[in-house]
Amino acid sequence: MNRRLGALLVAATLVLALTGCTDDGPAATDPANAAIPTPSAAPAVLAPPTYTVSPMPVSPGLNPGGAQLGPGFGINGWYLSYPEAGIELRITYDDPAAFDVGPRGPSTPVQMLGVEAGEYTVPFGHATYTVWSVTDAGGRTVFVYGADAVAVRRFAGALTPEQMPVPVPFDFALLPEGYVPVRVDEHSMEFVLSDDFGEDGDHVSVFIAARGLPEEPFGTPTTINGAPAQVRVDREDGVLIILAMSDDVTVTLMASAGLRLDESQAVRLAEGIAVTDYAVPLADQG
């Protein structure tokens, strides 16, 4: 499954590159592109979504201090981060030793989530990290790491097996039928067809960013829900819509060409996106 999702993210990157949507803003493109006819094959059916976002399987028993990022999930499982405290929690069905900072080498027995776990000392870069890790019978690994050994021990030792809801940055009135989330964080969501998990690369991605509309139109200028927007629907590149939430915050919608959405469907999809209180705009790197 992870190889499939990895291919999905590569495909999403290609859409960004082909449409010129980078951190410097989309490149200027002939607005006539938006008039390319829809392919003859039937487009995806839009319907009210029925998915549920899987909760994180564990909860922190204490707050180590500072800002909290997450919980969220992606191709490697769930995560929860406390950047100021230097604490990272990861839950994965992948090999945890494959992570940059993951459990590997000799370990010391410890108690975590009520069962025996291991404490590891893992060098990475110019630092040495303490890692607490436990893998259950189903192959799911929960591990905590950080440079402060005392903080890691306190946080990991206080974890509980209670589920923790994963908040979403967007609500959707419509999505392609059968599509489910495969990535959720504080500023983005990505969806693929539940039956194949994006094996063919088809996806819908939405993210919020701290930047305004591009000065050079890349598609058709219009309004969506009364707000300025730019829309591009291309036979080969798919859908790209950027909607202004304010002068310096935008929401971007991308849908791959395999969905065969026409401009009317693309706009309906964008009209149904609502930004939640949890959303945090991605900082503009341009």
C-alpha atoms as a PDB file:
ATOM      1  CA  MET A   1       0.000   0.000   0.000  1.00  0.00           C
ATOM      2  CA  ASN A   2       2.786   2.445   0.832  1.00  0.00           C
ATOM      3  CA  ARG A   3       4.391   1.972  -2.579  1.00  0.00           C
ATOM      4  CA  ARG A   4       1.038   2.841  -4.134  1.00  0.00           C
ATOM      5  CA  LEU A   5       0.627   5.942  -2.012  1.00  0.00           C
ATOM      6  CA  GLY A   6       4.208   6.941  -2.725  1.00  0.00           C
ATOM      7  CA  ALA A   7       3.369   6.846  -6.430  1.00  0.00           C
ATOM      8  CA  LEU A   8       0.297   8.963  -5.686  1.00  0.00           C
ATOM      9  CA  LEU A   9       2.374  11.693  -4.093  1.00  0.00           C
ATOM     10  CA  VAL A  10       4.775  11.619  -7.040  1.00  0.00           C
ATOM     11  CA  ALA A  11       1.797  12.094  -9.330  1.00  0.00           C
ATOM     12  CA  ALA A  12       0.615  15.041  -7.216  1.00  0.00           C
ATOM     13  CA  THR A  13       4.068  16.586  -7.514  1.00  0.00           C
ATOM     14  CA  LEU A  14       3.901  16.219 -11.286  1.00  0.00           C
ATOM     15  CA  VAL A  15       0.559  18.042 -11.332  1.00  0.00           C
ATOM     16  CA  LEU A  16       2.154  20.886  -9.400  1.00  0.00           C
ATOM     17  CA  ALA A  17       5.064  21.012 -11.815  1.00  0.00           C
ATOM     18  CA  LEU A  18       2.954  20.802 -14.952  1.00  0.00           C
ATOM     19  CA  THR A  19       0.595  23.523 -13.825  1.00  0.00           C
ATOM     20  CA  GLY A  20       3.362  25.756 -12.578  1.00  0.00           C
ATOM     21  CA  CYS A  21       1.880  25.811  -9.062  1.00  0.00           C
ATOM     22  CA  THR A  22       4.941  26.157  -6.883  1.00  0.00           C
ATOM     23  CA  ASP A  23       5.709  28.097  -3.753  1.00  0.00           C
ATOM     24  CA  ASP A  24       6.458  31.037  -6.030  1.00  0.00           C
ATOM     25  CA  GLY A  25       2.885  30.936  -7.371  1.00  0.00           C
ATOM     26  CA  PRO A  26       1.484  29.449 -10.584  1.00  0.00           C
ATOM     27  CA  ALA A  27       3.124  30.404 -13.856  1.00  0.00           C
ATOM     28  CA  ALA A  28       1.236  32.414 -16.429  1.00  0.00           C
ATOM     29  CA  THR A  29      -0.699  30.216 -18.870  1.00  0.00           C
ATOM     30  CA  ASP A  30      -2.974  30.942 -21.799  1.00  0.00           C
ATOM     31  CA  PRO A  31      -6.506  31.160 -20.353  1.00  0.00           C
ATOM     32  CA  ALA A  32      -7.736  29.424 -23.507  1.00  0.00           C
ATOM     33  CA  ASN A  33      -6.534  26.188 -21.898  1.00  0.00           C
ATOM     34  CA  ALA A  34      -9.636  26.275 -19.746  1.00  0.00           C
ATOM     35  CA  ALA A  35     -11.786  25.822 -22.826  1.00  0.00           C
ATOM     36  CA  ILE A  36     -10.335  22.412 -23.792  1.00  0.00           C
ATOM     37  CA  PRO A  37     -13.290  20.024 -24.211  1.00  0.00           C
ATOM     38  CA  THR A  38     -13.929  17.316 -21.654  1.00  0.00           C
ATOM     39  CA  PRO A  39     -12.755  13.863 -22.844  1.00  0.00           C
ATOM     40  CA  SER A  40     -15.476  11.577 -24.189  1.00  0.00           C
ATOM     41  CA  ALA A  41     -15.096   9.052 -21.328  1.00  0.00           C
ATOM     42  CA  ALA A  42     -17.540   9.516 -18.454  1.00  0.00           C
ATOM     43  CA  PRO A  43     -16.277  11.868 -15.715  1.00  0.00           C
ATOM     44  CA  ALA A  44     -16.215  10.948 -12.042  1.00  0.00           C
ATOM     45  CA  VAL A  45     -19.517  11.203 -10.202  1.00  0.00           C
ATOM     46  CA  LEU A  46     -19.602  13.840  -7.448  1.00  0.00           C
ATOM     47  CA  ALA A  47     -21.531  12.924  -4.300  1.00  0.00           C
ATOM     48  CA  PRO A  48     -21.670  13.873  -0.619  1.00  0.00           C
ATOM     49  CA  PRO A  49     -18.701  12.183   1.091  1.00  0.00           C
ATOM     50  CA  THR A  50     -19.287   9.246   3.433  1.00  0.00           C
ATOM     51  CA  TYR A  51     -15.742   8.723   4.738  1.00  0.00           C
ATOM     52  CA  THR A  52     -14.647   8.834   8.351  1.00  0.00           C
ATOM     53  CA  VAL A  53     -11.156   9.914   9.392  1.00  0.00           C
ATOM     54  CA  SER A  54      -9.426   7.167  11.367  1.00  0.00           C
ATOM     55  CA  PRO A  55      -8.500   8.343  14.864  1.00  0.00           C
ATOM     56  CA  MET A  56      -4.960   8.034  16.162  1.00  0.00           C
ATOM     57  CA  PRO A  57      -4.815   4.753  18.125  1.00  0.00           C
ATOM     58  CA  VAL A  58      -3.127   6.253  21.227  1.00  0.00           C
ATOM     59  CA  SER A  59      -3.362   9.483  23.216  1.00  0.00           C
ATOM     60  CA  PRO A  60      -0.778  11.511  25.152  1.00  0.00           C
ATOM     61  CA  GLY A  61      -1.143  11.327  28.895  1.00  0.00           C
ATOM     62  CA  LEU A  62       0.649  14.636  29.368  1.00  0.00           C
ATOM     63  CA  ASN A  63       1.468  17.769  27.418  1.00  0.00           C
ATOM     64  CA  PRO A  64       5.244  18.277  27.163  1.00  0.00           C
ATOM     65  CA  GLY A  65       4.726  21.998  26.515  1.00  0.00           C
ATOM     66  CA  GLY A  66       4.713  24.328  23.537  1.00  0.00           C
ATOM     67  CA  ALA A  67       2.770  24.142  20.304  1.00  0.00           C
ATOM     68  CA  GLN A  68       1.210  20.888  19.149  1.00  0.00           C
ATOM     69  CA  LEU A  69       1.125  19.778  15.498  1.00  0.00           C
ATOM     70  CA  GLY A  70      -1.365  17.054  14.761  1.00  0.00           C
ATOM     71  CA  PRO A  71      -2.557  14.514  15.232  1.00  0.00           C
ATOM     72  CA  GLY A  72      -2.563  13.768  11.544  1.00  0.00           C
ATOM     73  CA  PHE A  73      -1.791  10.911   9.223  1.00  0.00           C
ATOM     74  CA  GLY A  74      -0.179  10.175   5.876  1.00  0.00           C
ATOM     75  CA  ILE A  75       1.519   7.434   3.923  1.00  0.00           C
ATOM     76  CA  ASN A  76       3.571   6.311   6.939  1.00  0.00           C
ATOM     77  CA  GLY A  77       0.752   6.317   9.498  1.00  0.00           C
ATOM     78  CA  TRP A  78      -0.183   8.751  12.274  1.00  0.00           C
ATOM     79  CA  TYR A  79       1.947  11.463  13.855  1.00  0.00           C
ATOM     80  CA  LEU A  80       1.881  13.973  16.693  1.00  0.00           C
ATOM     81  CA  SER A  81       4.622  16.585  17.133  1.00  0.00           C
ATOM     82  CA  TYR A  82       5.686  19.034  19.825  1.00  0.00           C
ATOM     83  CA  PRO A  83       8.439  21.034  18.062  1.00  0.00           C
ATOM     84  CA  GLU A  84       9.258  23.316  20.980  1.00  0.00           C
ATOM     85  CA  ALA A  85       9.561  20.400  23.392  1.00  0.00           C
ATOM     86  CA  GLY A  86      11.448  18.323  20.813  1.00  0.00           C
ATOM     87  CA  ILE A  87       9.049  15.354  21.118  1.00  0.00           C
ATOM     88  CA  GLU A  88       7.814  13.314  18.146  1.00  0.00           C
ATOM     89  CA  LEU A  89       5.239  10.488  18.217  1.00  0.00           C
ATOM     90  CA  ARG A  90       4.883   8.126  15.248  1.00  0.00           C
ATOM     91  CA  ILE A  91       2.527   5.185  14.671  1.00  0.00           C
ATOM     92  CA  THR A  92       3.203   3.049  11.614  1.00  0.00           C
ATOM     93  CA  TYR A  93       2.740  -0.348   9.979  1.00  0.00           C
ATOM     94  CA  ASP A  94       6.006   0.174   8.092  1.00  0.00           C
ATOM     95  CA  ASP A  95       9.406  -0.937   9.336  1.00  0.00           C
ATOM     96  CA  PRO A  96      10.135   1.691  12.016  1.00  0.00           C
ATOM     97  CA  ALA A  97      13.879   1.199  11.576  1.00  0.00           C
ATOM     98  CA  ALA A  98      13.527   2.713   8.097  1.00  0.00           C
ATOM     99  CA  PHE A  99      12.717   6.126   9.589  1.00  0.00           C
ATOM    100  CA  ASP A 100      15.577   8.610  10.000  1.00  0.00           C
ATOM    101  CA  VAL A 101      15.132   8.369  13.751  1.00  0.00           C
ATOM    102  CA  GLY A 102      13.602   4.996  14.506  1.00  0.00           C
ATOM    103  CA  PRO A 103      14.225   2.071  16.850  1.00  0.00           C
ATOM    104  CA  ARG A 104      17.387   0.179  15.880  1.00  0.00           C
ATOM    105  CA  GLY A 105      20.369  -1.353  17.590  1.00  0.00           C
ATOM    106  CA  PRO A 106      20.453  -2.674  21.167  1.00  0.00           C
ATOM    107  CA  SER A 107      17.639  -1.736  23.532  1.00  0.00           C
ATOM    108  CA  THR A 108      16.842  -1.575  27.230  1.00  0.00           C
ATOM    109  CA  PRO A 109      13.478  -3.024  28.391  1.00  0.00           C
ATOM    110  CA  VAL A 110      10.926  -0.397  29.487  1.00  0.00           C
ATOM    111  CA  GLN A 111       7.160  -0.250  30.019  1.00  0.00           C
ATOM    112  CA  MET A 112       5.066   1.603  27.435  1.00  0.00           C
ATOM    113  CA  LEU A 113       1.291   1.416  26.936  1.00  0.00           C
ATOM    114  CA  GLY A 114       1.158  -1.232  29.648  1.00  0.00           C
ATOM    115  CA  VAL A 115       3.455  -3.698  27.861  1.00  0.00           C
ATOM    116  CA  GLU A 116       7.169  -4.300  27.509  1.00  0.00           C
ATOM    117  CA  ALA A 117       8.849  -1.955  25.052  1.00  0.00           C
ATOM    118  CA  GLY A 118      12.397  -0.944  24.272  1.00  0.00           C
ATOM    119  CA  GLU A 119      14.498   2.161  24.811  1.00  0.00           C
ATOM    120  CA  TYR A 120      17.050   2.833  22.068  1.00  0.00           C
ATOM    121  CA  THR A 121      19.853   5.339  21.623  1.00  0.00           C
ATOM    122  CA  VAL A 122      19.975   6.398  17.973  1.00  0.00           C
ATOM    123  CA  PRO A 123      22.548   8.806  16.487  1.00  0.00           C
ATOM    124  CA  PHE A 124      21.337  10.923  13.580  1.00  0.00           C
ATOM    125  CA  GLY A 125      23.076  13.938  12.108  1.00  0.00           C
ATOM    126  CA  HIS A 126      24.821  15.881  14.844  1.00  0.00           C
ATOM    127  CA  ALA A 127      22.514  14.670  17.618  1.00  0.00           C
ATOM    128  CA  THR A 128      21.766  11.526  19.563  1.00  0.00           C
ATOM    129  CA  TYR A 129      18.117  10.637  20.139  1.00  0.00           C
ATOM    130  CA  THR A 130      16.346   8.539  22.724  1.00  0.00           C
ATOM    131  CA  VAL A 131      13.645   6.320  21.192  1.00  0.00           C
ATOM    132  CA  TRP A 132      10.936   4.363  23.003  1.00  0.00           C
ATOM    133  CA  SER A 133       9.197   1.806  20.793  1.00  0.00           C
ATOM    134  CA  VAL A 134       6.704  -1.061  20.966  1.00  0.00           C
ATOM    135  CA  THR A 135       5.238  -3.228  18.171  1.00  0.00           C
ATOM    136  CA  ASP A 136       1.994  -5.147  18.686  1.00  0.00           C
ATOM    137  CA  ALA A 137       0.990  -8.531  17.277  1.00  0.00           C
ATOM    138  CA  GLY A 138      -0.638  -6.862  14.278  1.00  0.00           C
ATOM    139  CA  GLY A 139       2.620  -5.215  13.196  1.00  0.00           C
ATOM    140  CA  ARG A 140       1.711  -1.710  14.351  1.00  0.00           C
ATOM    141  CA  THR A 141       4.604   0.171  15.924  1.00  0.00           C
ATOM    142  CA  VAL A 142       4.251   3.098  18.288  1.00  0.00           C
ATOM    143  CA  PHE A 143       7.445   5.013  18.898  1.00  0.00           C
ATOM    144  CA  VAL A 144       8.459   8.288  20.525  1.00  0.00           C
ATOM    145  CA  TYR A 145      11.751  10.064  20.010  1.00  0.00           C
ATOM    146  CA  GLY A 146      13.562  13.225  21.022  1.00  0.00           C
ATOM    147  CA  ALA A 147      16.990  14.540  21.974  1.00  0.00           C
ATOM    148  CA  ASP A 148      16.003  15.018  25.620  1.00  0.00           C
ATOM    149  CA  ALA A 149      16.022  11.528  27.130  1.00  0.00           C
ATOM    150  CA  VAL A 150      14.151  12.592  30.283  1.00  0.00           C
ATOM    151  CA  ALA A 151      11.374  14.274  28.269  1.00  0.00           C
ATOM    152  CA  VAL A 152      11.017  11.224  25.993  1.00  0.00           C
ATOM    153  CA  ARG A 153      10.736   8.873  28.974  1.00  0.00           C
ATOM    154  CA  ARG A 154       8.091  11.022  30.652  1.00  0.00           C
ATOM    155  CA  PHE A 155       6.008  11.457  27.500  1.00  0.00           C
ATOM    156  CA  ALA A 156       6.272   7.862  26.216  1.00  0.00           C
ATOM    157  CA  GLY A 157       5.630   6.413  29.661  1.00  0.00           C
ATOM    158  CA  ALA A 158       2.414   8.443  29.960  1.00  0.00           C
ATOM    159  CA  LEU A 159       0.842   7.361  26.629  1.00  0.00           C
ATOM    160  CA  THR A 160      -2.587   5.732  26.900  1.00  0.00           C
ATOM    161  CA  PRO A 161      -4.346   3.297  24.505  1.00  0.00           C
ATOM    162  CA  GLU A 162      -7.308   5.662  24.124  1.00  0.00           C
ATOM    163  CA  GLN A 163      -8.025   6.822  20.586  1.00  0.00           C
ATOM    164  CA  MET A 164      -7.404  10.480  19.740  1.00  0.00           C
ATOM    165  CA  PRO A 165      -9.580  12.115  17.026  1.00  0.00           C
ATOM    166  CA  VAL A 166      -7.781  13.503  13.987  1.00  0.00           C
ATOM    167  CA  PRO A 167      -9.207  16.975  13.237  1.00  0.00           C
ATOM    168  CA  VAL A 168      -9.587  18.070   9.621  1.00  0.00           C
ATOM    169  CA  PRO A 169      -8.747  21.446   8.031  1.00  0.00           C
ATOM    170  CA  PHE A 170     -11.627  21.207   5.529  1.00  0.00           C
ATOM    171  CA  ASP A 171     -15.177  19.946   5.278  1.00  0.00           C
ATOM    172  CA  PHE A 172     -16.539  18.900   1.879  1.00  0.00           C
ATOM    173  CA  ALA A 173     -20.052  19.013   0.486  1.00  0.00           C
ATOM    174  CA  LEU A 174     -18.980  16.928  -2.528  1.00  0.00           C
ATOM    175  CA  LEU A 175     -16.155  14.575  -3.512  1.00  0.00           C
ATOM    176  CA  PRO A 176     -15.693  12.055  -6.307  1.00  0.00           C
ATOM    177  CA  GLU A 177     -17.771   9.036  -5.327  1.00  0.00           C
ATOM    178  CA  GLY A 178     -15.841   6.448  -3.305  1.00  0.00           C
ATOM    179  CA  TYR A 179     -12.887   8.707  -2.501  1.00  0.00           C
ATOM    180  CA  VAL A 180     -11.350   8.546   0.999  1.00  0.00           C
ATOM    181  CA  PRO A 181      -8.591  10.543   2.733  1.00  0.00           C
ATOM    182  CA  VAL A 182      -5.030   9.201   2.679  1.00  0.00           C
ATOM    183  CA  ARG A 183      -3.352  12.287   4.122  1.00  0.00           C
ATOM    184  CA  VAL A 184      -4.630  14.753   6.724  1.00  0.00           C
ATOM    185  CA  ASP A 185      -2.678  17.469   8.471  1.00  0.00           C
ATOM    186  CA  GLU A 186      -3.364  20.977   9.691  1.00  0.00           C
ATOM    187  CA  HIS A 187      -3.169  22.556   6.228  1.00  0.00           C
ATOM    188  CA  SER A 188      -3.954  19.818   3.674  1.00  0.00           C
ATOM    189  CA  MET A 189      -6.002  16.767   2.764  1.00  0.00           C
ATOM    190  CA  GLU A 190      -5.555  14.241  -0.026  1.00  0.00           C
ATOM    191  CA  PHE A 191      -8.096  11.713  -1.311  1.00  0.00           C
ATOM    192  CA  VAL A 192      -7.943   8.589  -3.496  1.00  0.00           C
ATOM    193  CA  LEU A 193     -10.412   5.926  -4.572  1.00  0.00           C
ATOM    194  CA  SER A 194     -10.909   3.495  -1.690  1.00  0.00           C
ATOM    195  CA  ASP A 195     -10.754   0.370  -3.889  1.00  0.00           C
ATOM    196  CA  ASP A 196      -7.262   0.895  -5.272  1.00  0.00           C
ATOM    197  CA  PHE A 197      -5.704   3.578  -3.058  1.00  0.00           C
ATOM    198  CA  GLY A 198      -4.647   5.623  -6.055  1.00  0.00           C
ATOM    199  CA  GLU A 199      -2.844   2.842  -7.886  1.00  0.00           C
ATOM    200  CA  ASP A 200      -3.495   4.721 -11.127  1.00  0.00           C
ATOM    201  CA  GLY A 201      -2.451   8.042  -9.606  1.00  0.00           C
ATOM    202  CA  ASP A 202      -5.905   9.659  -9.569  1.00  0.00           C
ATOM    203  CA  HIS A 203      -6.365  11.940  -6.588  1.00  0.00           C
ATOM    204  CA  VAL A 204      -7.954  15.073  -5.170  1.00  0.00           C
ATOM    205  CA  SER A 205      -5.766  17.365  -3.061  1.00  0.00           C
ATOM    206  CA  VAL A 206      -6.683  20.534  -1.162  1.00  0.00           C
ATOM    207  CA  PHE A 207      -4.403  22.803   0.852  1.00  0.00           C
ATOM    208  CA  ILE A 208      -4.531  26.227   2.457  1.00  0.00           C
ATOM    209  CA  ALA A 209      -1.563  28.579   2.141  1.00  0.00           C
ATOM    210  CA  ALA A 210      -0.503  32.008   3.366  1.00  0.00           C
ATOM    211  CA  ARG A 211      -0.285  33.708  -0.001  1.00  0.00           C
ATOM    212  CA  GLY A 212      -2.553  35.639  -2.327  1.00  0.00           C
ATOM    213  CA  LEU A 213      -3.811  34.837  -5.793  1.00  0.00           C
ATOM    214  CA  PRO A 214      -1.093  34.786  -8.473  1.00  0.00           C
ATOM    215  CA  GLU A 215      -0.709  38.142 -10.179  1.00  0.00           C
ATOM    216  CA  GLU A 216      -0.546  36.522 -13.628  1.00  0.00           C
ATOM    217  CA  PRO A 217      -3.721  34.504 -14.300  1.00  0.00           C
ATOM    218  CA  PHE A 218      -3.013  30.844 -15.076  1.00  0.00           C
ATOM    219  CA  GLY A 219      -6.601  30.091 -16.086  1.00  0.00           C
ATOM    220  CA  THR A 220     -10.028  31.685 -16.067  1.00  0.00           C
ATOM    221  CA  PRO A 221     -10.585  34.465 -13.489  1.00  0.00           C
ATOM    222  CA  THR A 222     -13.974  34.034 -11.819  1.00  0.00           C
ATOM    223  CA  THR A 223     -15.691  34.117  -8.433  1.00  0.00           C
ATOM    224  CA  ILE A 224     -16.556  31.125  -6.258  1.00  0.00           C
ATOM    225  CA  ASN A 225     -18.862  31.637  -3.281  1.00  0.00           C
ATOM    226  CA  GLY A 226     -18.465  35.362  -3.885  1.00  0.00           C
ATOM    227  CA  ALA A 227     -14.649  35.270  -3.590  1.00  0.00           C
ATOM    228  CA  PRO A 228     -12.075  35.825  -6.368  1.00  0.00           C
ATOM    229  CA  ALA A 229     -10.734  32.617  -7.891  1.00  0.00           C
ATOM    230  CA  GLN A 230      -8.800  31.278 -10.850  1.00  0.00           C
ATOM    231  CA  VAL A 231      -9.820  28.058 -12.587  1.00  0.00           C
ATOM    232  CA  ARG A 232      -7.916  25.872 -14.993  1.00  0.00           C
ATOM    233  CA  VAL A 233      -9.281  22.590 -16.393  1.00  0.00           C
ATOM    234  CA  ASP A 234      -6.884  20.809 -18.718  1.00  0.00           C
ATOM    235  CA  ARG A 235      -7.301  17.460 -20.501  1.00  0.00           C
ATOM    236  CA  GLU A 236      -3.787  16.318 -19.627  1.00  0.00           C
ATOM    237  CA  ASP A 237      -3.051  18.149 -16.371  1.00  0.00           C
ATOM    238  CA  GLY A 238      -6.453  17.951 -14.682  1.00  0.00           C
ATOM    239  CA  VAL A 239      -8.038  20.586 -12.449  1.00  0.00           C
ATOM    240  CA  LEU A 240      -6.301  23.443 -10.685  1.00  0.00           C
ATOM    241  CA  ILE A 241      -8.386  26.002  -8.781  1.00  0.00           C
ATOM    242  CA  ILE A 242      -7.049  28.680  -6.446  1.00  0.00           C
ATOM    243  CA  LEU A 243      -9.638  30.440  -4.302  1.00  0.00           C
ATOM    244  CA  ALA A 244      -8.911  33.605  -2.302  1.00  0.00           C
ATOM    245  CA  MET A 245     -10.072  33.377   1.306  1.00  0.00           C
ATOM    246  CA  SER A 246      -8.555  36.816   1.985  1.00  0.00           C
ATOM    247  CA  ASP A 247      -5.853  39.047   0.482  1.00  0.00           C
ATOM    248  CA  ASP A 248      -3.109  36.781   1.807  1.00  0.00           C
ATOM    249  CA  VAL A 249      -4.709  33.333   2.280  1.00  0.00           C
ATOM    250  CA  THR A 250      -5.766  30.997  -0.520  1.00  0.00           C
ATOM    251  CA  VAL A 251      -7.193  27.496  -0.840  1.00  0.00           C
ATOM    252  CA  THR A 252      -5.904  25.378  -3.718  1.00  0.00           C
ATOM    253  CA  LEU A 253      -7.803  22.439  -5.197  1.00  0.00           C
ATOM    254  CA  MET A 254      -6.121  19.928  -7.516  1.00  0.00           C
ATOM    255  CA  ALA A 255      -7.761  16.925  -9.189  1.00  0.00           C
ATOM    256  CA  SER A 256      -5.918  14.623 -11.567  1.00  0.00           C
ATOM    257  CA  ALA A 257      -6.882  14.321 -15.224  1.00  0.00           C
ATOM    258  CA  GLY A 258      -8.057  10.718 -14.813  1.00  0.00           C
ATOM    259  CA  LEU A 259     -11.147  11.966 -12.985  1.00  0.00           C
ATOM    260  CA  ARG A 260     -12.230  13.718 -16.220  1.00  0.00           C
ATOM    261  CA  LEU A 261     -13.970  16.545 -14.405  1.00  0.00           C
ATOM    262  CA  ASP A 262     -15.331  19.327 -16.573  1.00  0.00           C
ATOM    263  CA  GLU A 263     -15.214  22.962 -15.478  1.00  0.00           C
ATOM    264  CA  SER A 264     -18.733  22.905 -14.068  1.00  0.00           C
ATOM    265  CA  GLN A 265     -17.942  19.892 -11.874  1.00  0.00           C
ATOM    266  CA  ALA A 266     -14.635  21.387 -10.777  1.00  0.00           C
ATOM    267  CA  VAL A 267     -16.333  24.591  -9.665  1.00  0.00           C
ATOM    268  CA  ARG A 268     -19.039  22.640  -7.805  1.00  0.00           C
ATOM    269  CA  LEU A 269     -16.291  20.733  -6.012  1.00  0.00           C
ATOM    270  CA  ALA A 270     -14.589  23.992  -4.995  1.00  0.00           C
ATOM    271  CA  GLU A 271     -17.886  25.605  -3.925  1.00  0.00           C
ATOM    272  CA  GLY A 272     -18.403  22.800  -1.413  1.00  0.00           C
ATOM    273  CA  ILE A 273     -15.098  23.275   0.451  1.00  0.00           C
ATOM    274  CA  ALA A 274     -15.390  24.844   3.913  1.00  0.00           C
ATOM    275  CA  VAL A 275     -12.320  25.812   5.953  1.00  0.00           C
ATOM    276  CA  THR A 276     -12.513  24.651   9.572  1.00  0.00           C
ATOM    277  CA  ASP A 277     -11.153  26.343  12.686  1.00  0.00           C
ATOM    278  CA  TYR A 278      -8.363  23.754  12.795  1.00  0.00           C
ATOM    279  CA  ALA A 279      -6.851  24.843   9.471  1.00  0.00           C
ATOM    280  CA  VAL A 280      -3.421  26.492   9.601  1.00  0.00           C
ATOM    281  CA  PRO A 281      -2.222  28.146   6.365  1.00  0.00           C
ATOM    282  CA  LEU A 282       1.024  26.743   5.029  1.00  0.00           C
ATOM    283  CA  ALA A 283       3.720  29.403   5.207  1.00  0.00           C
ATOM    284  CA  ASP A 284       4.626  30.873   1.819  1.00  0.00           C
ATOM    285  CA  GLN A 285       8.146  29.771   0.914  1.00  0.00           C
ATOM    286  CA  GLY A 286       8.353  32.097  -2.072  1.00  0.00           C
END
